[in-house]
Protein backbone atom coordinates (compact mmCIF):
# COMPACT_ATOMS: atom_id res chain seq x y z
CA MET A 1 -52.92 65.68 -82.41
CA ASN A 2 -53.52 62.28 -80.35
CA SER A 3 -52.74 59.38 -82.75
CA SER A 4 -54.00 56.74 -80.13
CA PRO A 5 -57.29 56.14 -81.93
CA PHE A 6 -55.77 55.77 -85.25
CA ALA A 7 -53.08 53.30 -83.96
CA LEU A 8 -55.92 51.33 -82.20
CA ALA A 9 -57.87 51.25 -85.71
CA ILE A 10 -54.74 49.93 -87.48
CA LEU A 11 -54.49 47.06 -84.84
CA ILE A 12 -58.15 46.24 -85.20
CA VAL A 13 -57.91 46.09 -88.99
CA LEU A 14 -54.74 43.90 -88.40
CA VAL A 15 -56.45 41.47 -86.08
CA ALA A 16 -59.65 41.32 -88.38
CA TRP A 17 -57.23 40.49 -91.49
CA ILE A 18 -55.36 37.93 -89.50
CA THR A 19 -58.87 36.03 -88.47
CA ARG A 20 -60.15 36.35 -91.93
CA LEU A 21 -56.94 34.87 -93.37
CA LEU A 22 -57.30 31.84 -91.22
CA ALA A 23 -61.03 31.30 -91.83
CA ASP A 24 -62.55 28.99 -94.54
CA LYS A 25 -64.32 30.64 -97.25
CA GLU A 26 -67.76 29.78 -96.02
CA ALA A 27 -67.23 30.79 -92.61
CA ARG A 28 -65.37 34.11 -93.21
CA LYS A 29 -68.40 36.43 -92.57
CA VAL A 30 -69.22 34.93 -89.41
CA VAL A 31 -65.57 34.93 -88.28
CA LEU A 32 -65.33 38.59 -89.01
CA THR A 33 -68.51 39.12 -87.18
CA TRP A 34 -67.20 37.38 -84.21
CA THR A 35 -64.03 39.35 -84.51
CA LEU A 36 -65.65 42.68 -84.17
CA PHE A 37 -68.10 41.56 -81.70
CA GLY A 38 -65.23 40.02 -79.68
CA ILE A 39 -63.20 43.27 -79.75
CA LEU A 40 -66.16 45.41 -78.57
CA ILE A 41 -66.86 43.06 -75.72
CA GLY A 42 -63.25 42.64 -75.02
CA ILE A 43 -62.79 46.56 -74.49
CA LEU A 44 -65.95 46.88 -72.50
CA LYS A 45 -64.73 43.98 -69.90
CA ASN A 46 -61.44 45.45 -70.05
CA LEU A 47 -62.70 48.95 -68.90
CA LEU A 48 -64.97 47.21 -66.32
CA VAL A 49 -61.95 45.48 -64.87
CA GLN A 50 -60.23 48.87 -64.58
CA MET A 51 -63.05 50.20 -62.47
CA THR A 52 -62.52 47.60 -59.78
CA PRO A 53 -60.46 48.52 -56.59
CA GLN A 54 -58.41 45.36 -57.03
CA TRP A 55 -56.96 46.54 -60.57
CA SER A 56 -54.84 48.96 -58.75
CA ASP A 57 -52.93 46.00 -57.16
CA VAL A 58 -50.82 45.72 -60.24
CA PRO A 59 -48.97 42.47 -60.72
CA VAL A 60 -45.10 42.57 -60.44
CA ASP A 61 -44.80 41.06 -64.06
CA SER A 62 -46.91 44.13 -65.39
CA LEU A 63 -44.53 46.64 -63.76
CA THR A 64 -41.54 44.82 -65.11
CA TYR A 65 -43.01 44.65 -68.60
CA GLN A 66 -43.63 48.47 -68.35
CA LEU A 67 -40.06 49.20 -67.42
CA HIS A 68 -38.59 47.03 -69.99
CA ALA A 69 -40.74 48.64 -72.85
CA GLU A 70 -39.65 51.95 -71.64
CA ALA A 71 -36.03 50.84 -71.61
CA LEU A 72 -36.52 49.46 -75.39
CA PHE A 73 -38.21 52.80 -76.50
CA MET A 74 -35.42 54.81 -75.10
CA HIS A 75 -32.73 52.44 -76.69
CA TRP A 76 -34.44 52.60 -79.95
CA SER A 77 -34.52 56.37 -79.71
CA GLY A 78 -30.96 56.76 -79.26
CA LEU A 79 -30.84 57.28 -75.54
CA PRO A 80 -28.71 55.59 -72.64
CA VAL A 81 -30.75 53.41 -70.36
CA ASP A 82 -29.90 53.15 -66.67
CA ALA A 83 -29.90 49.40 -65.92
CA HIS A 84 -30.93 49.85 -62.36
CA ALA A 85 -33.82 52.17 -62.84
CA TYR A 86 -35.15 49.87 -65.63
CA ASP A 87 -34.52 46.67 -63.93
CA LEU A 88 -32.42 45.26 -66.67
CA ALA A 89 -31.43 41.91 -64.95
CA GLY A 90 -29.37 40.65 -67.69
CA TYR A 91 -27.45 43.80 -68.33
CA LEU A 92 -26.69 43.96 -64.51
CA ASN A 93 -25.54 40.39 -64.40
CA GLY A 94 -23.50 39.99 -67.37
CA TRP A 95 -22.53 43.33 -68.87
CA GLN A 96 -22.43 46.01 -66.07
CA GLN A 97 -18.91 45.18 -65.18
CA LEU A 98 -17.72 45.78 -68.99
CA TYR A 99 -19.87 49.03 -69.90
CA ASP A 100 -20.76 50.44 -66.34
CA ASP A 101 -24.57 51.08 -65.43
CA MET A 102 -25.75 52.52 -68.69
CA TRP A 103 -27.04 50.44 -71.69
CA MET A 104 -25.74 52.58 -74.36
CA PRO A 105 -27.69 53.13 -77.69
CA ASP A 106 -24.81 51.97 -79.84
CA SER A 107 -24.25 48.70 -77.90
CA ARG A 108 -24.87 45.46 -79.94
CA ILE A 109 -25.78 43.47 -76.79
CA ALA A 110 -28.89 41.34 -77.73
CA TYR A 111 -32.24 42.39 -76.22
CA ALA A 112 -32.53 39.18 -74.57
CA SER A 113 -29.36 39.42 -72.92
CA ALA A 114 -29.79 43.05 -71.74
CA LEU A 115 -33.40 42.45 -70.32
CA GLY A 116 -32.48 39.31 -68.82
CA THR A 117 -35.25 37.32 -70.38
CA HIS A 118 -35.63 35.55 -73.73
CA GLU A 119 -39.35 36.35 -73.65
CA TRP A 120 -38.85 39.82 -74.68
CA ILE A 121 -41.24 40.13 -77.64
CA TYR A 122 -44.21 41.31 -75.38
CA ALA A 123 -42.07 44.26 -74.13
CA ALA A 124 -41.07 45.12 -77.55
CA PHE A 125 -45.12 45.32 -78.48
CA LEU A 126 -45.48 47.57 -75.55
CA ALA A 127 -42.59 49.91 -76.53
CA LEU A 128 -44.25 50.39 -80.01
CA TRP A 129 -47.28 52.11 -78.20
CA GLN A 130 -44.91 54.72 -76.63
CA VAL A 131 -45.14 57.00 -80.02
CA ASN A 132 -48.66 57.75 -78.45
CA GLY A 133 -47.10 59.86 -75.74
CA SER A 134 -47.32 59.98 -71.94
CA ASP A 135 -50.85 58.07 -72.15
CA TRP A 136 -49.17 55.12 -73.67
CA VAL A 137 -50.11 52.65 -70.88
CA GLY A 138 -53.69 53.02 -71.12
CA VAL A 139 -53.58 52.71 -74.98
CA ALA A 140 -51.41 49.49 -74.67
CA ILE A 141 -54.01 48.13 -72.19
CA LEU A 142 -56.65 48.69 -74.77
CA ALA A 143 -54.47 47.07 -77.23
CA ASN A 144 -54.39 44.08 -75.15
CA ALA A 145 -58.12 44.09 -75.05
CA VAL A 146 -58.12 44.13 -78.93
CA LEU A 147 -55.85 41.08 -79.21
CA ALA A 148 -57.86 39.16 -76.74
CA GLY A 149 -61.10 40.26 -78.76
CA ALA A 150 -59.93 37.93 -81.58
CA LEU A 151 -60.00 34.88 -79.10
CA PRO A 152 -63.90 34.28 -79.83
CA ALA A 153 -63.42 34.06 -83.42
CA ALA A 154 -60.39 31.82 -83.01
CA ALA A 155 -62.35 29.45 -80.78
CA PHE A 156 -65.06 29.24 -83.62
CA MET A 157 -62.49 28.25 -85.96
CA ILE A 158 -60.92 25.71 -83.67
CA THR A 159 -64.23 24.23 -82.91
CA LYS A 160 -64.99 23.88 -86.63
CA GLU A 161 -61.68 22.08 -87.14
CA LEU A 162 -62.72 19.53 -84.53
CA GLY A 163 -65.83 18.86 -86.38
CA GLY A 164 -68.15 21.12 -84.78
CA SER A 165 -71.39 22.32 -86.57
CA PHE A 166 -71.76 26.03 -86.93
CA LYS A 167 -74.20 25.92 -83.79
CA ILE A 168 -71.39 24.34 -81.63
CA CYS A 169 -68.71 26.97 -83.12
CA ASN A 170 -70.98 29.62 -82.14
CA LEU A 171 -71.32 28.34 -78.80
CA ALA A 172 -67.54 28.11 -78.38
CA ALA A 173 -67.22 31.77 -79.48
CA LEU A 174 -69.94 32.89 -76.85
CA ILE A 175 -68.33 31.10 -74.18
CA VAL A 176 -65.04 32.74 -74.94
CA ALA A 177 -66.53 36.25 -75.25
CA LEU A 178 -68.16 35.77 -71.90
CA ASP A 179 -65.09 34.43 -70.21
CA PRO A 180 -63.74 36.95 -67.61
CA SER A 181 -60.36 35.80 -67.17
CA THR A 182 -59.22 37.06 -70.67
CA ALA A 183 -60.51 40.40 -69.83
CA ILE A 184 -58.59 40.44 -66.46
CA ASN A 185 -55.40 39.48 -68.15
CA SER A 186 -55.71 42.04 -70.85
CA ALA A 187 -56.15 44.77 -68.17
CA TRP A 188 -52.57 45.01 -67.14
CA LEU A 189 -49.23 44.97 -69.08
CA ILE A 190 -48.82 41.20 -68.97
CA LYS A 191 -48.24 39.25 -72.18
CA ASP A 192 -51.18 36.67 -71.95
CA SER A 193 -53.46 38.31 -74.67
CA LEU A 194 -50.70 38.21 -77.02
CA ALA A 195 -49.66 34.71 -76.28
CA ALA A 196 -53.25 33.48 -76.38
CA LEU A 197 -53.66 35.03 -79.92
CA ILE A 198 -50.25 33.61 -81.24
CA SER A 199 -51.27 30.25 -79.73
CA VAL A 200 -54.67 30.03 -81.47
CA VAL A 201 -53.26 30.98 -84.73
CA ALA A 202 -50.63 28.16 -84.48
CA ILE A 203 -53.47 25.57 -83.45
CA ILE A 204 -55.49 26.59 -86.53
CA ALA A 205 -52.45 26.49 -88.70
CA ILE A 206 -51.53 22.94 -87.36
CA CYS A 207 -55.32 21.75 -87.81
CA ASN A 208 -55.24 22.82 -91.59
CA LEU A 209 -52.06 21.14 -92.08
CA CYS A 210 -53.22 17.95 -90.54
CA LYS A 211 -55.99 17.89 -93.29
CA LYS A 212 -53.81 18.90 -96.52
CA PRO A 213 -50.78 20.40 -97.44
CA SER A 214 -50.57 24.17 -97.64
CA LEU A 215 -47.81 26.46 -98.09
CA LYS A 216 -49.88 29.40 -96.56
CA PHE A 217 -50.30 27.57 -93.37
CA THR A 218 -46.81 26.18 -93.23
CA LEU A 219 -45.53 29.95 -93.22
CA ILE A 220 -48.11 30.99 -90.77
CA LEU A 221 -47.25 28.14 -88.35
CA ALA A 222 -43.52 29.03 -88.96
CA LEU A 223 -44.10 32.48 -88.07
CA THR A 224 -46.38 32.29 -85.19
CA LEU A 225 -44.20 29.52 -83.58
CA GLY A 226 -41.10 31.70 -84.01
CA LEU A 227 -42.78 34.54 -82.31
CA LEU A 228 -44.34 32.27 -79.61
CA ALA A 229 -40.85 31.21 -78.42
CA GLY A 230 -40.23 34.91 -77.60
CA VAL A 231 -43.47 35.36 -75.68
CA ARG A 232 -44.16 31.92 -73.89
CA PHE A 233 -41.45 29.55 -74.25
CA VAL A 234 -42.96 26.66 -72.67
CA ALA A 235 -45.79 26.78 -75.12
CA TYR A 236 -43.40 26.68 -78.12
CA ILE A 237 -41.69 23.63 -76.59
CA ALA A 238 -45.11 21.90 -76.12
CA PHE A 239 -46.14 22.70 -79.85
CA GLY A 240 -42.67 21.51 -81.03
CA VAL A 241 -43.21 18.07 -79.14
CA VAL A 242 -46.80 17.59 -80.53
CA MET A 243 -45.67 18.56 -83.93
CA ALA A 244 -42.68 16.17 -83.66
CA GLY A 245 -45.34 13.26 -82.94
CA LEU A 246 -47.56 14.31 -85.73
CA VAL A 247 -44.59 14.21 -88.20
CA ILE A 248 -43.72 10.62 -87.02
CA TYR A 249 -47.44 9.61 -87.34
CA LEU A 250 -47.95 11.20 -90.94
CA ILE A 251 -44.46 9.49 -91.90
CA ILE A 252 -45.83 6.08 -90.76
CA LYS A 253 -49.16 6.78 -92.70
CA LYS A 254 -47.16 7.74 -95.65
CA THR A 255 -48.56 11.28 -95.91
CA LYS A 256 -44.98 12.57 -96.27
CA VAL A 257 -45.98 15.97 -97.99
CA ARG A 258 -47.82 16.99 -94.78
CA ALA A 259 -45.15 15.59 -92.58
CA ALA A 260 -42.70 17.83 -94.62
CA ASN A 261 -44.97 20.95 -94.22
CA LEU A 262 -44.91 20.44 -90.39
CA THR A 263 -41.21 19.91 -90.32
CA VAL A 264 -40.33 22.97 -92.69
CA ALA A 265 -42.74 25.04 -90.27
CA GLY A 266 -40.72 23.73 -87.25
CA VAL A 267 -37.28 24.35 -88.82
CA ILE A 268 -38.17 27.85 -89.92
CA SER A 269 -39.69 28.72 -86.40
CA LEU A 270 -36.35 27.67 -85.05
CA ALA A 271 -34.30 29.93 -87.33
CA LEU A 272 -36.68 32.72 -86.44
CA TRP A 273 -36.45 32.19 -82.81
CA VAL A 274 -32.71 32.14 -82.97
CA ALA A 275 -32.67 35.50 -84.98
CA LEU A 276 -35.07 37.00 -82.30
CA TYR A 277 -32.86 35.66 -79.47
CA LEU A 278 -29.81 37.35 -80.81
CA VAL A 279 -31.15 40.56 -82.39
CA PRO A 280 -29.56 43.11 -82.82
CA SER A 281 -26.21 41.31 -82.18
CA PRO A 282 -24.68 39.64 -85.31
CA PRO A 283 -24.93 35.95 -84.98
CA THR A 284 -21.98 33.61 -84.74
CA PRO A 285 -22.08 29.85 -84.59
CA LYS A 286 -21.36 29.69 -80.91
CA GLN A 287 -24.43 32.35 -80.31
CA VAL A 288 -26.82 30.17 -82.43
CA ILE A 289 -26.00 27.12 -80.38
CA GLN A 290 -26.32 29.15 -77.11
CA ALA A 291 -29.79 30.59 -78.48
CA ILE A 292 -31.18 27.04 -78.76
CA THR A 293 -29.65 25.73 -75.70
CA SER A 294 -29.72 28.44 -73.02
CA PRO A 295 -33.43 28.74 -72.55
CA ILE A 296 -33.65 25.23 -71.80
CA GLN A 297 -30.49 25.24 -69.44
CA ALA A 298 -32.14 28.19 -67.79
CA GLN A 299 -35.38 26.12 -67.03
CA ALA A 300 -33.21 23.34 -65.72
CA THR A 301 -31.23 25.49 -63.26
CA THR A 302 -34.55 27.25 -61.98
CA LEU A 303 -35.94 23.69 -61.29
CA LYS A 304 -32.75 22.76 -59.22
CA ALA A 305 -31.74 26.14 -57.77
CA ASP A 306 -31.91 26.74 -54.01
CA LYS A 307 -32.59 30.00 -52.51
CA ASN A 308 -30.12 32.84 -53.41
CA GLU A 309 -28.69 30.80 -56.11
CA THR A 310 -28.72 31.83 -59.69
CA GLY A 311 -32.00 31.38 -61.37
CA SER A 312 -33.64 30.56 -58.23
CA ASP A 313 -37.62 31.10 -58.05
CA GLU A 314 -39.25 31.32 -54.57
CA SER A 315 -42.40 29.57 -55.98
CA VAL A 316 -40.56 26.67 -57.44
CA ILE A 317 -38.58 26.09 -54.32
CA GLN A 318 -41.69 26.22 -52.12
CA TRP A 319 -43.26 23.72 -54.29
CA ARG A 320 -40.35 21.36 -54.47
CA THR A 321 -40.00 21.39 -50.71
CA TYR A 322 -43.57 20.64 -50.13
CA LEU A 323 -43.38 17.89 -52.70
CA ASN A 324 -40.55 16.09 -50.81
CA ASP A 325 -42.04 16.43 -47.68
CA ASN A 326 -45.66 15.44 -48.38
CA PRO A 327 -45.79 13.61 -52.01
CA LEU A 328 -49.35 12.61 -51.63
CA LYS A 329 -50.59 15.66 -50.33
CA ALA A 330 -48.71 17.65 -52.93
CA ALA A 331 -50.15 15.55 -55.79
CA THR A 332 -53.68 15.99 -54.29
CA ARG A 333 -53.22 19.81 -54.14
CA ALA A 334 -51.70 20.23 -57.55
CA ILE A 335 -54.67 18.58 -58.91
CA ALA A 336 -57.12 20.59 -56.89
CA ARG A 337 -55.39 23.83 -57.89
CA THR A 338 -55.12 23.09 -61.43
CA LEU A 339 -58.75 22.36 -61.68
CA PHE A 340 -60.26 24.94 -59.12
CA ALA A 341 -57.87 27.56 -58.08
CA PRO A 342 -58.09 30.31 -56.98
CA TYR A 343 -61.04 28.86 -55.21
CA PRO A 344 -64.33 30.78 -55.66
CA TRP A 345 -65.69 29.73 -52.31
CA THR A 346 -62.96 31.85 -50.52
CA ALA A 347 -64.95 34.82 -51.42
CA ILE A 348 -67.43 33.55 -48.76
CA THR A 349 -65.19 31.68 -46.26
CA GLU A 350 -62.57 34.59 -46.33
CA GLY A 351 -64.31 37.50 -47.57
CA VAL A 352 -63.01 39.87 -50.38
CA THR A 353 -60.76 42.75 -49.18
CA GLY A 354 -60.59 44.73 -52.57
CA THR A 355 -56.95 45.06 -52.38
CA ASN A 356 -55.64 41.65 -53.87
CA HIS A 357 -55.79 41.38 -57.64
CA ILE A 358 -56.22 37.37 -57.37
CA GLU A 359 -59.65 38.12 -56.23
CA LEU A 360 -60.58 39.33 -59.49
CA TYR A 361 -60.02 35.80 -60.90
CA LEU A 362 -62.56 34.17 -58.54
CA PHE A 363 -65.66 34.61 -60.77
CA GLY A 364 -63.52 33.72 -63.70
CA THR A 365 -62.62 30.64 -61.94
CA LEU A 366 -66.23 29.95 -61.11
CA PHE A 367 -67.00 30.19 -64.79
CA TRP A 368 -64.17 27.83 -65.69
CA ILE A 369 -65.41 25.24 -63.23
CA ILE A 370 -69.04 25.38 -64.61
CA THR A 371 -67.38 24.42 -67.92
CA LEU A 372 -65.06 21.63 -66.73
CA PRO A 373 -67.62 18.79 -67.21
CA GLY A 374 -67.89 19.96 -70.90
CA ILE A 375 -64.27 20.36 -71.36
CA PHE A 376 -63.63 16.71 -70.35
CA MET A 377 -66.54 15.27 -72.34
CA GLY A 378 -65.31 17.46 -75.36
CA MET A 379 -61.85 16.24 -75.10
CA ALA A 380 -63.22 12.60 -75.27
CA ILE A 381 -65.44 13.42 -78.14
CA ALA A 382 -62.61 15.43 -80.19
CA THR A 383 -60.44 12.24 -80.18
CA ARG A 384 -63.14 10.65 -82.30
CA HIS A 385 -62.26 13.29 -84.96
CA GLY A 386 -58.96 11.58 -85.51
CA MET A 387 -55.50 13.10 -85.71
CA THR A 388 -56.57 16.58 -85.03
CA GLY A 389 -58.51 15.85 -81.76
CA TYR A 390 -55.68 13.84 -80.47
CA ALA A 391 -53.01 16.39 -81.39
CA LEU A 392 -54.97 19.04 -79.57
CA VAL A 393 -55.73 17.07 -76.43
CA ALA A 394 -51.85 16.09 -76.29
CA LEU A 395 -51.16 19.79 -76.72
CA ILE A 396 -53.13 20.38 -73.46
CA VAL A 397 -51.44 17.48 -71.78
CA VAL A 398 -47.98 18.58 -72.93
CA ILE A 399 -48.31 21.99 -71.63
CA THR A 400 -49.81 20.92 -68.14
CA ILE A 401 -46.61 18.85 -67.57
CA PRO A 402 -44.12 21.54 -66.95
CA TYR A 403 -46.39 23.76 -64.89
CA LEU A 404 -47.16 20.83 -62.56
CA ILE A 405 -43.29 20.08 -62.36
CA PHE A 406 -42.12 23.59 -61.61
CA PHE A 407 -45.23 25.15 -59.72
CA GLY A 408 -47.27 22.30 -58.72
CA GLU A 409 -50.31 23.92 -60.67
CA TRP A 410 -51.62 25.18 -63.99
CA SER A 411 -54.01 27.78 -62.80
CA THR A 412 -55.17 31.47 -62.28
CA ARG A 413 -53.73 33.70 -65.19
CA GLN A 414 -50.99 31.19 -66.38
CA ARG A 415 -53.88 28.98 -67.97
CA VAL A 416 -55.76 31.87 -69.61
CA PHE A 417 -53.71 31.76 -72.78
CA MET A 418 -55.10 28.48 -73.69
CA MET A 419 -58.85 29.21 -72.91
CA PRO A 420 -59.94 29.39 -76.44
CA LEU A 421 -58.94 25.81 -76.94
CA PHE A 422 -60.30 24.63 -73.64
CA PHE A 423 -63.68 26.43 -74.41
CA SER A 424 -63.83 24.74 -77.88
CA PHE A 425 -63.77 21.61 -76.07
CA ALA A 426 -66.35 22.84 -73.61
CA ALA A 427 -68.74 23.75 -76.42
CA ILE A 428 -68.62 20.25 -78.00
CA GLY A 429 -68.77 18.62 -74.69
CA TRP A 430 -71.85 20.65 -73.23
CA HIS A 431 -73.60 20.30 -76.52
CA HIS A 432 -73.17 16.72 -76.36
CA ILE A 433 -74.42 16.61 -72.62
CA TRP A 434 -77.45 18.63 -73.64
CA GLN A 435 -78.38 16.35 -76.71
CA LEU A 436 -78.02 13.33 -74.22
CA SER A 437 -80.32 15.08 -71.73
CA LEU A 438 -82.78 15.44 -74.70
CA LYS A 439 -82.91 11.84 -75.51
CA ARG A 440 -83.77 11.00 -71.94
CA SER A 441 -86.30 13.65 -71.32
CA PRO A 442 -90.05 13.14 -72.36
CA ARG A 443 -91.52 15.71 -74.72
CA ARG A 444 -94.85 17.13 -75.38
CA THR A 445 -95.84 16.55 -79.04
CA LEU A 446 -98.09 18.72 -81.20
CA SER A 447 -100.89 16.14 -81.21
CA GLY A 448 -101.41 16.02 -77.39
CA PRO A 449 -100.16 15.01 -74.02
CA LEU A 450 -96.83 14.20 -72.77
CA THR A 451 -95.62 11.03 -74.27
CA ASN A 452 -92.70 8.37 -73.52
CA GLN A 453 -90.96 8.93 -76.65
CA TYR A 454 -87.29 9.84 -76.84
CA ASP A 455 -85.27 11.74 -79.49
């Protein structure tokens, strides 16, 4: 009997429960509606992406996550894992000389150490779907679509926290539901759908804690941030920086209970992250310190490493070289690529080959560019909402900085996990622009001809 439909149904119920848990009492019905509608649209968009010729050009990350998921499932099943066949970079670099080529089931090596990455939670998520048999890849891709399906409801709640009316909140949810990029990312075995869901839950929790103390949202924030560290570490650091700023601000404003809630959430998330970094190996004081410092040291190593050195990344090296040789051009390119790449007009100037997966993002980038005026306007308006608005704008800025430093851009699929927040700003901004246009436009009244009155 095929258990795939049952497993997906459980995931849908879980996602719906999460969004309902986050929603205010008066918004629960509409949030549930957007969740179910978003999941339906997410699955349909996901299947449409799979019908394109470019979909067969699978990103390298997707292939690596598939191998790591299979390795974890074999390890959990009590089977030895060939480190070469399953691309266990960490095992090959640190443990092969001690234990030969096979990662044995009784080994107490930490998963992060064996896989060679501290961001292993998504691989574990994929491993769970292998109980569905040989068709698990297709089922896991649909699971990605279910996770992405929660993002419209999340955008609704974020916009509400920023002071948007139900009309503006619905607009934000609709924009996210229509966005092509989230569907593209969900159509391969890459972590962005999971990272997006965890990020928006953390954002909603922070917004609630900025308003009033809450044990529920303190625990939700702690759990989501701890998981986020094992999915997208740069986002975890960005959230930590923003939360530290909020804590300082709240202490100055003498709202110490809310400051304590954010502090407790941060401390618990750090403890959870350490546990995830070391599992299943028993922790020692030295390992705890290593779990906290190693990811940061690894990033610093990558930033400085030259070709063929430990931790080197070709994209980082190319960007660093270009920045050193042409700093002004590099800065201009960084801004252009962050705002507009992959450039939609290349579909006309260079044509579409049907063989490059980056081509799938062209329409999504066009959609993104259309929303940009609203995004910038929405950010400006959101800061009028006080501490919450400033915090979420700061979050965008803090996340942007490391991408610019390491890669010279924050674009394509790397940006997608924060789309619900961007499009919440877009809905606020475009609604404001629309209202301004109405005030400047003459209208026909019921009593007769066109007048010179303004709204």
